[in-house]
Amino acid sequence: MILEYKGIELFYTDQGKGTALVLLHGFLENSTMWSSFLPILTKKNRVICIDLLGHGNTDCLGYLHTMEEMSEAVEAVLKHLRLRKYYMLAHSMGGYVALSLAENNKDKLKGLCLMNSTYEADDNERKALRKRANKLVQFNFENMVRMSFANLFSETSKIVHSLKFETALNEALKTPIQGYIACQEGMRIRSNKYEMYLSLACKKLIIIGEKDPVIDAKKLLNETKNTTIETVIFSEGHMSHIENEAEFLQSIMHFIE
């Protein structure tokens, strides 16, 4: 489905009936990443999947997509659908967007699950990497995307899950250069949301990959210990929906019960 938003087309899907569950994809992904889970999730839930700015079938707004601007686009879809209460599950960059959305919609959230994501801002090293990537991607987009995406998987995972890896990579390569640059810039300047996330009265869950090259698993586990933020840790890396598919689905079903 298409929602006209600020002069662009914003794509989303809306399936099933019951408790609303909003799914947000990560960087270089789109709403198709949830396809294999929809038959199960829609049995008892209304599931809304949204293509974030500059990804999938949603257009770009400019060359900088802040997390606030991206969350406003998501909020526009949720208002259009007249959702009063919902659970939200967000992967990687989608988690940063979800946290921004949560700041202005605390009373609407029944639960917020950050999947292979974090409430922390980029450190200086990460900021520099994003800036460098945005320069390089202008000259060799395909190789940069292939390299960025491959780094999210362990060598073993790329072999064990080769078919799903290739499918996900092909979707990543559909991302426009403008979308790549705009979101990298937005992620680079985002702020820390730990205190805000901790203050939410809804259910809170962080799904962590033990071998995640992007997220500091030990630091997250230490910071959330003895807080209202629940954590679950899986054996593999950044792509829990592929690398730990069964455990991931079980955790999500439990989270939205």
C-alpha atoms as a PDB file:
ATOM      1  CA  MET A   1       0.000   0.000   0.000  1.00  0.00           C
ATOM      2  CA  ILE A   2       1.113   3.557  -0.668  1.00  0.00           C
ATOM      3  CA  LEU A   3       0.725   6.636   1.526  1.00  0.00           C
ATOM      4  CA  GLU A   4       1.458  10.022  -0.018  1.00  0.00           C
ATOM      5  CA  TYR A   5       3.788  11.791   2.397  1.00  0.00           C
ATOM      6  CA  LYS A   6       5.560  15.120   1.930  1.00  0.00           C
ATOM      7  CA  GLY A   7       5.528  14.701  -1.840  1.00  0.00           C
ATOM      8  CA  ILE A   8       6.884  11.139  -1.871  1.00  0.00           C
ATOM      9  CA  GLU A   9       5.424   7.632  -1.813  1.00  0.00           C
ATOM     10  CA  LEU A  10       5.670   5.786   1.501  1.00  0.00           C
ATOM     11  CA  PHE A  11       5.160   2.023   1.194  1.00  0.00           C
ATOM     12  CA  TYR A  12       3.680  -0.271   3.849  1.00  0.00           C
ATOM     13  CA  THR A  13       1.753  -3.525   4.226  1.00  0.00           C
ATOM     14  CA  ASP A  14      -1.099  -4.217   6.649  1.00  0.00           C
ATOM     15  CA  GLN A  15      -2.127  -7.834   7.218  1.00  0.00           C
ATOM     16  CA  GLY A  16      -4.048  -9.876   9.772  1.00  0.00           C
ATOM     17  CA  LYS A  17      -6.284  -9.007  12.703  1.00  0.00           C
ATOM     18  CA  GLY A  18      -5.705  -8.715  16.424  1.00  0.00           C
ATOM     19  CA  THR A  19      -3.004  -7.007  18.477  1.00  0.00           C
ATOM     20  CA  ALA A  20      -1.043  -4.593  16.283  1.00  0.00           C
ATOM     21  CA  LEU A  21       2.628  -5.359  15.669  1.00  0.00           C
ATOM     22  CA  VAL A  22       4.745  -2.856  13.740  1.00  0.00           C
ATOM     23  CA  LEU A  23       7.898  -4.208  12.084  1.00  0.00           C
ATOM     24  CA  LEU A  24      10.785  -1.937  11.044  1.00  0.00           C
ATOM     25  CA  HIS A  25      13.700  -3.181   8.944  1.00  0.00           C
ATOM     26  CA  GLY A  26      17.328  -2.125   9.150  1.00  0.00           C
ATOM     27  CA  PHE A  27      19.836  -0.363   6.902  1.00  0.00           C
ATOM     28  CA  LEU A  28      20.032  -1.853   3.371  1.00  0.00           C
ATOM     29  CA  GLU A  29      16.916  -3.912   4.087  1.00  0.00           C
ATOM     30  CA  ASN A  30      13.217  -3.439   3.406  1.00  0.00           C
ATOM     31  CA  SER A  31       9.903  -4.902   4.510  1.00  0.00           C
ATOM     32  CA  THR A  32      10.514  -8.132   2.560  1.00  0.00           C
ATOM     33  CA  MET A  33      12.870  -9.238   5.359  1.00  0.00           C
ATOM     34  CA  TRP A  34       9.797 -10.192   7.410  1.00  0.00           C
ATOM     35  CA  SER A  35       8.061 -12.228   4.664  1.00  0.00           C
ATOM     36  CA  SER A  36       8.795 -15.707   6.021  1.00  0.00           C
ATOM     37  CA  PHE A  37       7.433 -14.770   9.474  1.00  0.00           C
ATOM     38  CA  LEU A  38       4.149 -13.199   8.348  1.00  0.00           C
ATOM     39  CA  PRO A  39       2.118 -16.433   7.957  1.00  0.00           C
ATOM     40  CA  ILE A  40       2.717 -17.197  11.650  1.00  0.00           C
ATOM     41  CA  LEU A  41       2.605 -13.661  13.046  1.00  0.00           C
ATOM     42  CA  THR A  42      -0.643 -12.750  11.258  1.00  0.00           C
ATOM     43  CA  LYS A  43      -2.573 -15.698  12.708  1.00  0.00           C
ATOM     44  CA  LYS A  44      -3.394 -13.718  15.837  1.00  0.00           C
ATOM     45  CA  ASN A  45      -1.988 -10.278  15.108  1.00  0.00           C
ATOM     46  CA  ARG A  46      -2.387  -7.304  12.801  1.00  0.00           C
ATOM     47  CA  VAL A  47       1.087  -6.882  11.342  1.00  0.00           C
ATOM     48  CA  ILE A  48       2.242  -3.628   9.733  1.00  0.00           C
ATOM     49  CA  CYS A  49       5.535  -3.584   7.813  1.00  0.00           C
ATOM     50  CA  ILE A  50       6.930  -0.254   6.636  1.00  0.00           C
ATOM     51  CA  ASP A  51       9.649   0.567   4.118  1.00  0.00           C
ATOM     52  CA  LEU A  52      11.715   3.298   5.758  1.00  0.00           C
ATOM     53  CA  LEU A  53      12.842   6.409   3.862  1.00  0.00           C
ATOM     54  CA  GLY A  54      15.133   5.598   0.942  1.00  0.00           C
ATOM     55  CA  HIS A  55      14.575   1.848   1.216  1.00  0.00           C
ATOM     56  CA  GLY A  56      12.381  -0.669  -0.600  1.00  0.00           C
ATOM     57  CA  ASN A  57       9.471   1.050  -2.320  1.00  0.00           C
ATOM     58  CA  THR A  58       9.685   4.250  -0.241  1.00  0.00           C
ATOM     59  CA  ASP A  59      11.314   7.296  -1.815  1.00  0.00           C
ATOM     60  CA  CYS A  60      13.999   9.579  -0.366  1.00  0.00           C
ATOM     61  CA  LEU A  61      13.261  12.976   1.163  1.00  0.00           C
ATOM     62  CA  GLY A  62      16.788  14.343   0.756  1.00  0.00           C
ATOM     63  CA  TYR A  63      20.444  13.497   1.382  1.00  0.00           C
ATOM     64  CA  LEU A  64      20.019  13.426   5.154  1.00  0.00           C
ATOM     65  CA  HIS A  65      17.414  11.227   6.788  1.00  0.00           C
ATOM     66  CA  THR A  66      17.629  11.883  10.524  1.00  0.00           C
ATOM     67  CA  MET A  67      16.158   9.263  12.803  1.00  0.00           C
ATOM     68  CA  GLU A  68      13.550  11.861  13.778  1.00  0.00           C
ATOM     69  CA  GLU A  69      12.496  12.386  10.142  1.00  0.00           C
ATOM     70  CA  MET A  70      12.319   8.649   9.582  1.00  0.00           C
ATOM     71  CA  SER A  71      10.228   8.159  12.717  1.00  0.00           C
ATOM     72  CA  GLU A  72       7.865  10.934  11.606  1.00  0.00           C
ATOM     73  CA  ALA A  73       7.279   9.006   8.376  1.00  0.00           C
ATOM     74  CA  VAL A  74       6.513   5.863  10.372  1.00  0.00           C
ATOM     75  CA  GLU A  75       4.208   7.847  12.633  1.00  0.00           C
ATOM     76  CA  ALA A  76       2.338   9.142   9.570  1.00  0.00           C
ATOM     77  CA  VAL A  77       1.544   5.540   8.558  1.00  0.00           C
ATOM     78  CA  LEU A  78       0.418   4.586  12.063  1.00  0.00           C
ATOM     79  CA  LYS A  79      -1.840   7.651  12.284  1.00  0.00           C
ATOM     80  CA  HIS A  80      -3.247   6.873   8.843  1.00  0.00           C
ATOM     81  CA  LEU A  81      -4.101   3.369  10.087  1.00  0.00           C
ATOM     82  CA  ARG A  82      -5.508   4.843  13.316  1.00  0.00           C
ATOM     83  CA  LEU A  83      -3.453   2.585  15.558  1.00  0.00           C
ATOM     84  CA  ARG A  84      -3.967   3.426  19.218  1.00  0.00           C
ATOM     85  CA  LYS A  85      -1.761   0.757  20.803  1.00  0.00           C
ATOM     86  CA  TYR A  86       0.902  -1.435  19.278  1.00  0.00           C
ATOM     87  CA  TYR A  87       4.004  -3.520  19.793  1.00  0.00           C
ATOM     88  CA  MET A  88       7.061  -2.557  17.793  1.00  0.00           C
ATOM     89  CA  LEU A  89       9.903  -4.798  16.662  1.00  0.00           C
ATOM     90  CA  ALA A  90      12.804  -3.066  14.955  1.00  0.00           C
ATOM     91  CA  HIS A  91      16.016  -4.408  13.439  1.00  0.00           C
ATOM     92  CA  SER A  92      19.335  -2.545  13.582  1.00  0.00           C
ATOM     93  CA  MET A  93      18.764   0.971  12.111  1.00  0.00           C
ATOM     94  CA  GLY A  94      15.030   0.376  12.528  1.00  0.00           C
ATOM     95  CA  GLY A  95      15.705   0.303  16.261  1.00  0.00           C
ATOM     96  CA  TYR A  96      17.128   3.818  16.159  1.00  0.00           C
ATOM     97  CA  VAL A  97      14.010   4.946  14.296  1.00  0.00           C
ATOM     98  CA  ALA A  98      11.754   3.162  16.796  1.00  0.00           C
ATOM     99  CA  LEU A  99      13.482   4.840  19.747  1.00  0.00           C
ATOM    100  CA  SER A 100      12.931   8.234  18.158  1.00  0.00           C
ATOM    101  CA  LEU A 101       9.269   7.374  17.607  1.00  0.00           C
ATOM    102  CA  ALA A 102       8.926   6.200  21.216  1.00  0.00           C
ATOM    103  CA  GLU A 103       9.900   9.609  22.602  1.00  0.00           C
ATOM    104  CA  ASN A 104       6.651  11.136  21.325  1.00  0.00           C
ATOM    105  CA  ASN A 105       4.420   8.055  21.570  1.00  0.00           C
ATOM    106  CA  LYS A 106       5.158   6.536  24.974  1.00  0.00           C
ATOM    107  CA  ASP A 107       1.484   6.015  25.784  1.00  0.00           C
ATOM    108  CA  LYS A 108       0.860   4.074  22.552  1.00  0.00           C
ATOM    109  CA  LEU A 109       3.592   1.481  22.918  1.00  0.00           C
ATOM    110  CA  LYS A 110       2.694  -1.884  24.434  1.00  0.00           C
ATOM    111  CA  GLY A 111       6.212  -3.090  23.853  1.00  0.00           C
ATOM    112  CA  LEU A 112       9.422  -2.116  22.068  1.00  0.00           C
ATOM    113  CA  CYS A 113      11.898  -4.786  20.994  1.00  0.00           C
ATOM    114  CA  LEU A 114      15.305  -3.714  19.688  1.00  0.00           C
ATOM    115  CA  MET A 115      16.643  -6.524  17.529  1.00  0.00           C
ATOM    116  CA  ASN A 116      20.412  -6.487  16.919  1.00  0.00           C
ATOM    117  CA  SER A 117      20.189  -2.803  17.735  1.00  0.00           C
ATOM    118  CA  THR A 118      21.132  -0.391  20.497  1.00  0.00           C
ATOM    119  CA  TYR A 119      20.053   2.764  22.284  1.00  0.00           C
ATOM    120  CA  GLU A 120      23.628   4.089  22.137  1.00  0.00           C
ATOM    121  CA  ALA A 121      24.906   6.780  19.772  1.00  0.00           C
ATOM    122  CA  ASP A 122      27.814   6.149  17.403  1.00  0.00           C
ATOM    123  CA  ASP A 123      31.269   6.514  18.913  1.00  0.00           C
ATOM    124  CA  ASN A 124      33.865   8.612  17.063  1.00  0.00           C
ATOM    125  CA  GLU A 125      35.325   5.598  15.257  1.00  0.00           C
ATOM    126  CA  ARG A 126      31.912   4.565  13.948  1.00  0.00           C
ATOM    127  CA  LYS A 127      31.113   8.120  12.879  1.00  0.00           C
ATOM    128  CA  ALA A 128      34.346   8.265  10.896  1.00  0.00           C
ATOM    129  CA  LEU A 129      33.564   4.919   9.224  1.00  0.00           C
ATOM    130  CA  ARG A 130      30.140   6.146   8.114  1.00  0.00           C
ATOM    131  CA  LYS A 131      31.626   9.349   6.695  1.00  0.00           C
ATOM    132  CA  ARG A 132      34.252   7.368   4.789  1.00  0.00           C
ATOM    133  CA  ALA A 133      31.644   4.910   3.483  1.00  0.00           C
ATOM    134  CA  ASN A 134      29.535   7.755   2.130  1.00  0.00           C
ATOM    135  CA  LYS A 135      32.504   9.008   0.098  1.00  0.00           C
ATOM    136  CA  LEU A 136      33.446   5.587  -1.239  1.00  0.00           C
ATOM    137  CA  VAL A 137      29.909   4.531  -2.113  1.00  0.00           C
ATOM    138  CA  GLN A 138      29.631   7.344  -4.662  1.00  0.00           C
ATOM    139  CA  PHE A 139      32.341   5.686  -6.773  1.00  0.00           C
ATOM    140  CA  ASN A 140      31.703   1.978  -6.211  1.00  0.00           C
ATOM    141  CA  PHE A 141      28.209   1.415  -4.845  1.00  0.00           C
ATOM    142  CA  GLU A 142      27.855  -2.306  -5.530  1.00  0.00           C
ATOM    143  CA  ASN A 143      31.161  -3.338  -3.986  1.00  0.00           C
ATOM    144  CA  MET A 144      30.535  -1.164  -0.927  1.00  0.00           C
ATOM    145  CA  VAL A 145      27.089  -2.680  -0.362  1.00  0.00           C
ATOM    146  CA  ARG A 146      28.409  -6.206  -0.883  1.00  0.00           C
ATOM    147  CA  MET A 147      31.236  -5.607   1.574  1.00  0.00           C
ATOM    148  CA  SER A 148      29.031  -3.864   4.167  1.00  0.00           C
ATOM    149  CA  PHE A 149      26.420  -6.598   3.998  1.00  0.00           C
ATOM    150  CA  ALA A 150      28.869  -9.502   4.042  1.00  0.00           C
ATOM    151  CA  ASN A 151      30.488  -8.116   7.186  1.00  0.00           C
ATOM    152  CA  LEU A 152      27.219  -8.605   9.080  1.00  0.00           C
ATOM    153  CA  PHE A 153      27.516 -12.391   8.735  1.00  0.00           C
ATOM    154  CA  SER A 154      30.157 -14.769  10.013  1.00  0.00           C
ATOM    155  CA  GLU A 155      31.934 -16.869   7.378  1.00  0.00           C
ATOM    156  CA  THR A 156      30.061 -19.922   8.668  1.00  0.00           C
ATOM    157  CA  SER A 157      26.690 -18.182   8.450  1.00  0.00           C
ATOM    158  CA  LYS A 158      27.287 -17.144   4.858  1.00  0.00           C
ATOM    159  CA  ILE A 159      27.723 -20.819   3.974  1.00  0.00           C
ATOM    160  CA  VAL A 160      25.020 -22.318   6.206  1.00  0.00           C
ATOM    161  CA  HIS A 161      22.467 -19.683   5.172  1.00  0.00           C
ATOM    162  CA  SER A 162      23.793 -19.084   1.662  1.00  0.00           C
ATOM    163  CA  LEU A 163      20.395 -18.892  -0.055  1.00  0.00           C
ATOM    164  CA  LYS A 164      18.935 -16.417   2.448  1.00  0.00           C
ATOM    165  CA  PHE A 165      22.189 -14.467   2.431  1.00  0.00           C
ATOM    166  CA  GLU A 166      22.027 -14.050  -1.353  1.00  0.00           C
ATOM    167  CA  THR A 167      18.330 -13.108  -1.215  1.00  0.00           C
ATOM    168  CA  ALA A 168      18.976 -10.467   1.443  1.00  0.00           C
ATOM    169  CA  LEU A 169      22.025  -9.171  -0.447  1.00  0.00           C
ATOM    170  CA  ASN A 170      20.006  -8.795  -3.652  1.00  0.00           C
ATOM    171  CA  GLU A 171      17.454  -6.698  -1.736  1.00  0.00           C
ATOM    172  CA  ALA A 172      20.278  -4.594  -0.277  1.00  0.00           C
ATOM    173  CA  LEU A 173      21.600  -3.875  -3.785  1.00  0.00           C
ATOM    174  CA  LYS A 174      18.221  -2.363  -4.703  1.00  0.00           C
ATOM    175  CA  THR A 175      18.783   0.449  -2.188  1.00  0.00           C
ATOM    176  CA  PRO A 176      19.405   3.733  -4.041  1.00  0.00           C
ATOM    177  CA  ILE A 177      22.712   5.530  -3.455  1.00  0.00           C
ATOM    178  CA  GLN A 178      20.783   8.522  -2.097  1.00  0.00           C
ATOM    179  CA  GLY A 179      19.037   6.296   0.441  1.00  0.00           C
ATOM    180  CA  TYR A 180      22.382   4.809   1.489  1.00  0.00           C
ATOM    181  CA  ILE A 181      24.007   8.214   2.018  1.00  0.00           C
ATOM    182  CA  ALA A 182      20.991   9.837   3.692  1.00  0.00           C
ATOM    183  CA  CYS A 183      20.596   7.077   6.277  1.00  0.00           C
ATOM    184  CA  GLN A 184      24.305   6.786   7.036  1.00  0.00           C
ATOM    185  CA  GLU A 185      24.330  10.526   7.767  1.00  0.00           C
ATOM    186  CA  GLY A 186      21.231  10.193   9.941  1.00  0.00           C
ATOM    187  CA  MET A 187      22.691   7.323  11.952  1.00  0.00           C
ATOM    188  CA  ARG A 188      25.993   9.187  12.351  1.00  0.00           C
ATOM    189  CA  ILE A 189      24.388  12.150  14.119  1.00  0.00           C
ATOM    190  CA  ARG A 190      21.816  10.311  16.251  1.00  0.00           C
ATOM    191  CA  SER A 191      21.814  10.773  20.028  1.00  0.00           C
ATOM    192  CA  ASN A 192      21.944   8.313  22.913  1.00  0.00           C
ATOM    193  CA  LYS A 193      18.476   7.089  23.945  1.00  0.00           C
ATOM    194  CA  TYR A 194      19.313   4.926  26.964  1.00  0.00           C
ATOM    195  CA  GLU A 195      17.519   7.011  29.597  1.00  0.00           C
ATOM    196  CA  MET A 196      14.473   7.438  27.385  1.00  0.00           C
ATOM    197  CA  TYR A 197      14.270   3.703  26.623  1.00  0.00           C
ATOM    198  CA  LEU A 198      14.724   2.828  30.273  1.00  0.00           C
ATOM    199  CA  SER A 199      11.904   5.216  31.240  1.00  0.00           C
ATOM    200  CA  LEU A 200       9.324   3.561  28.980  1.00  0.00           C
ATOM    201  CA  ALA A 201       6.556   1.863  30.945  1.00  0.00           C
ATOM    202  CA  CYS A 202       5.938  -0.721  28.211  1.00  0.00           C
ATOM    203  CA  LYS A 203       7.641  -4.103  27.785  1.00  0.00           C
ATOM    204  CA  LYS A 204      11.242  -3.730  26.657  1.00  0.00           C
ATOM    205  CA  LEU A 205      13.390  -6.400  25.037  1.00  0.00           C
ATOM    206  CA  ILE A 206      16.781  -6.347  23.325  1.00  0.00           C
ATOM    207  CA  ILE A 207      17.733  -9.282  21.115  1.00  0.00           C
ATOM    208  CA  ILE A 208      21.512  -9.658  21.039  1.00  0.00           C
ATOM    209  CA  GLY A 209      23.758 -11.717  18.792  1.00  0.00           C
ATOM    210  CA  GLU A 210      26.789 -13.014  20.678  1.00  0.00           C
ATOM    211  CA  LYS A 211      28.987 -12.654  17.570  1.00  0.00           C
ATOM    212  CA  ASP A 212      27.455  -9.389  16.355  1.00  0.00           C
ATOM    213  CA  PRO A 213      30.241  -7.285  14.772  1.00  0.00           C
ATOM    214  CA  VAL A 214      28.195  -4.073  15.035  1.00  0.00           C
ATOM    215  CA  ILE A 215      26.750  -4.234  18.558  1.00  0.00           C
ATOM    216  CA  ASP A 216      28.809  -4.571  21.756  1.00  0.00           C
ATOM    217  CA  ALA A 217      26.953  -7.490  23.333  1.00  0.00           C
ATOM    218  CA  LYS A 218      28.867  -7.473  26.639  1.00  0.00           C
ATOM    219  CA  LYS A 219      28.344  -3.762  27.160  1.00  0.00           C
ATOM    220  CA  LEU A 220      24.598  -4.003  26.492  1.00  0.00           C
ATOM    221  CA  LEU A 221      24.211  -6.954  28.843  1.00  0.00           C
ATOM    222  CA  ASN A 222      26.129  -5.115  31.571  1.00  0.00           C
ATOM    223  CA  GLU A 223      24.187  -1.850  31.177  1.00  0.00           C
ATOM    224  CA  THR A 224      20.765  -3.506  31.189  1.00  0.00           C
ATOM    225  CA  LYS A 225      21.455  -5.839  34.105  1.00  0.00           C
ATOM    226  CA  ASN A 226      18.986  -5.309  36.967  1.00  0.00           C
ATOM    227  CA  THR A 227      16.856  -2.912  34.913  1.00  0.00           C
ATOM    228  CA  THR A 228      13.377  -3.198  33.373  1.00  0.00           C
ATOM    229  CA  ILE A 229      15.023  -3.924  30.008  1.00  0.00           C
ATOM    230  CA  GLU A 230      14.952  -7.646  29.236  1.00  0.00           C
ATOM    231  CA  THR A 231      17.624  -9.214  27.080  1.00  0.00           C
ATOM    232  CA  VAL A 232      17.954 -12.447  25.164  1.00  0.00           C
ATOM    233  CA  ILE A 233      21.232 -13.525  23.600  1.00  0.00           C
ATOM    234  CA  PHE A 234      21.583 -15.793  20.575  1.00  0.00           C
ATOM    235  CA  SER A 235      24.656 -17.698  19.431  1.00  0.00           C
ATOM    236  CA  GLU A 236      25.292 -15.919  16.129  1.00  0.00           C
ATOM    237  CA  GLY A 237      25.595 -12.382  14.730  1.00  0.00           C
ATOM    238  CA  HIS A 238      23.737  -9.310  13.518  1.00  0.00           C
ATOM    239  CA  MET A 239      21.066 -11.068  11.468  1.00  0.00           C
ATOM    240  CA  SER A 240      19.135 -13.024  14.092  1.00  0.00           C
ATOM    241  CA  HIS A 241      16.097 -13.451  11.818  1.00  0.00           C
ATOM    242  CA  ILE A 242      18.315 -15.506   9.493  1.00  0.00           C
ATOM    243  CA  GLU A 243      21.069 -16.914  11.707  1.00  0.00           C
ATOM    244  CA  ASN A 244      18.868 -17.846  14.691  1.00  0.00           C
ATOM    245  CA  GLU A 245      15.495 -18.011  12.974  1.00  0.00           C
ATOM    246  CA  ALA A 246      13.696 -20.483  15.276  1.00  0.00           C
ATOM    247  CA  GLU A 247      14.864 -18.871  18.518  1.00  0.00           C
ATOM    248  CA  PHE A 248      14.089 -15.429  17.135  1.00  0.00           C
ATOM    249  CA  LEU A 249      10.497 -16.341  16.273  1.00  0.00           C
ATOM    250  CA  GLN A 250       9.977 -17.991  19.659  1.00  0.00           C
ATOM    251  CA  SER A 251      11.230 -14.856  21.462  1.00  0.00           C
ATOM    252  CA  ILE A 252       8.944 -12.598  19.425  1.00  0.00           C
ATOM    253  CA  MET A 253       5.883 -14.751  19.978  1.00  0.00           C
ATOM    254  CA  HIS A 254       6.577 -14.699  23.709  1.00  0.00           C
ATOM    255  CA  PHE A 255       7.158 -10.928  23.674  1.00  0.00           C
ATOM    256  CA  ILE A 256       3.773 -10.121  22.101  1.00  0.00           C
ATOM    257  CA  GLU A 257       1.729 -12.630  24.108  1.00  0.00           C
END
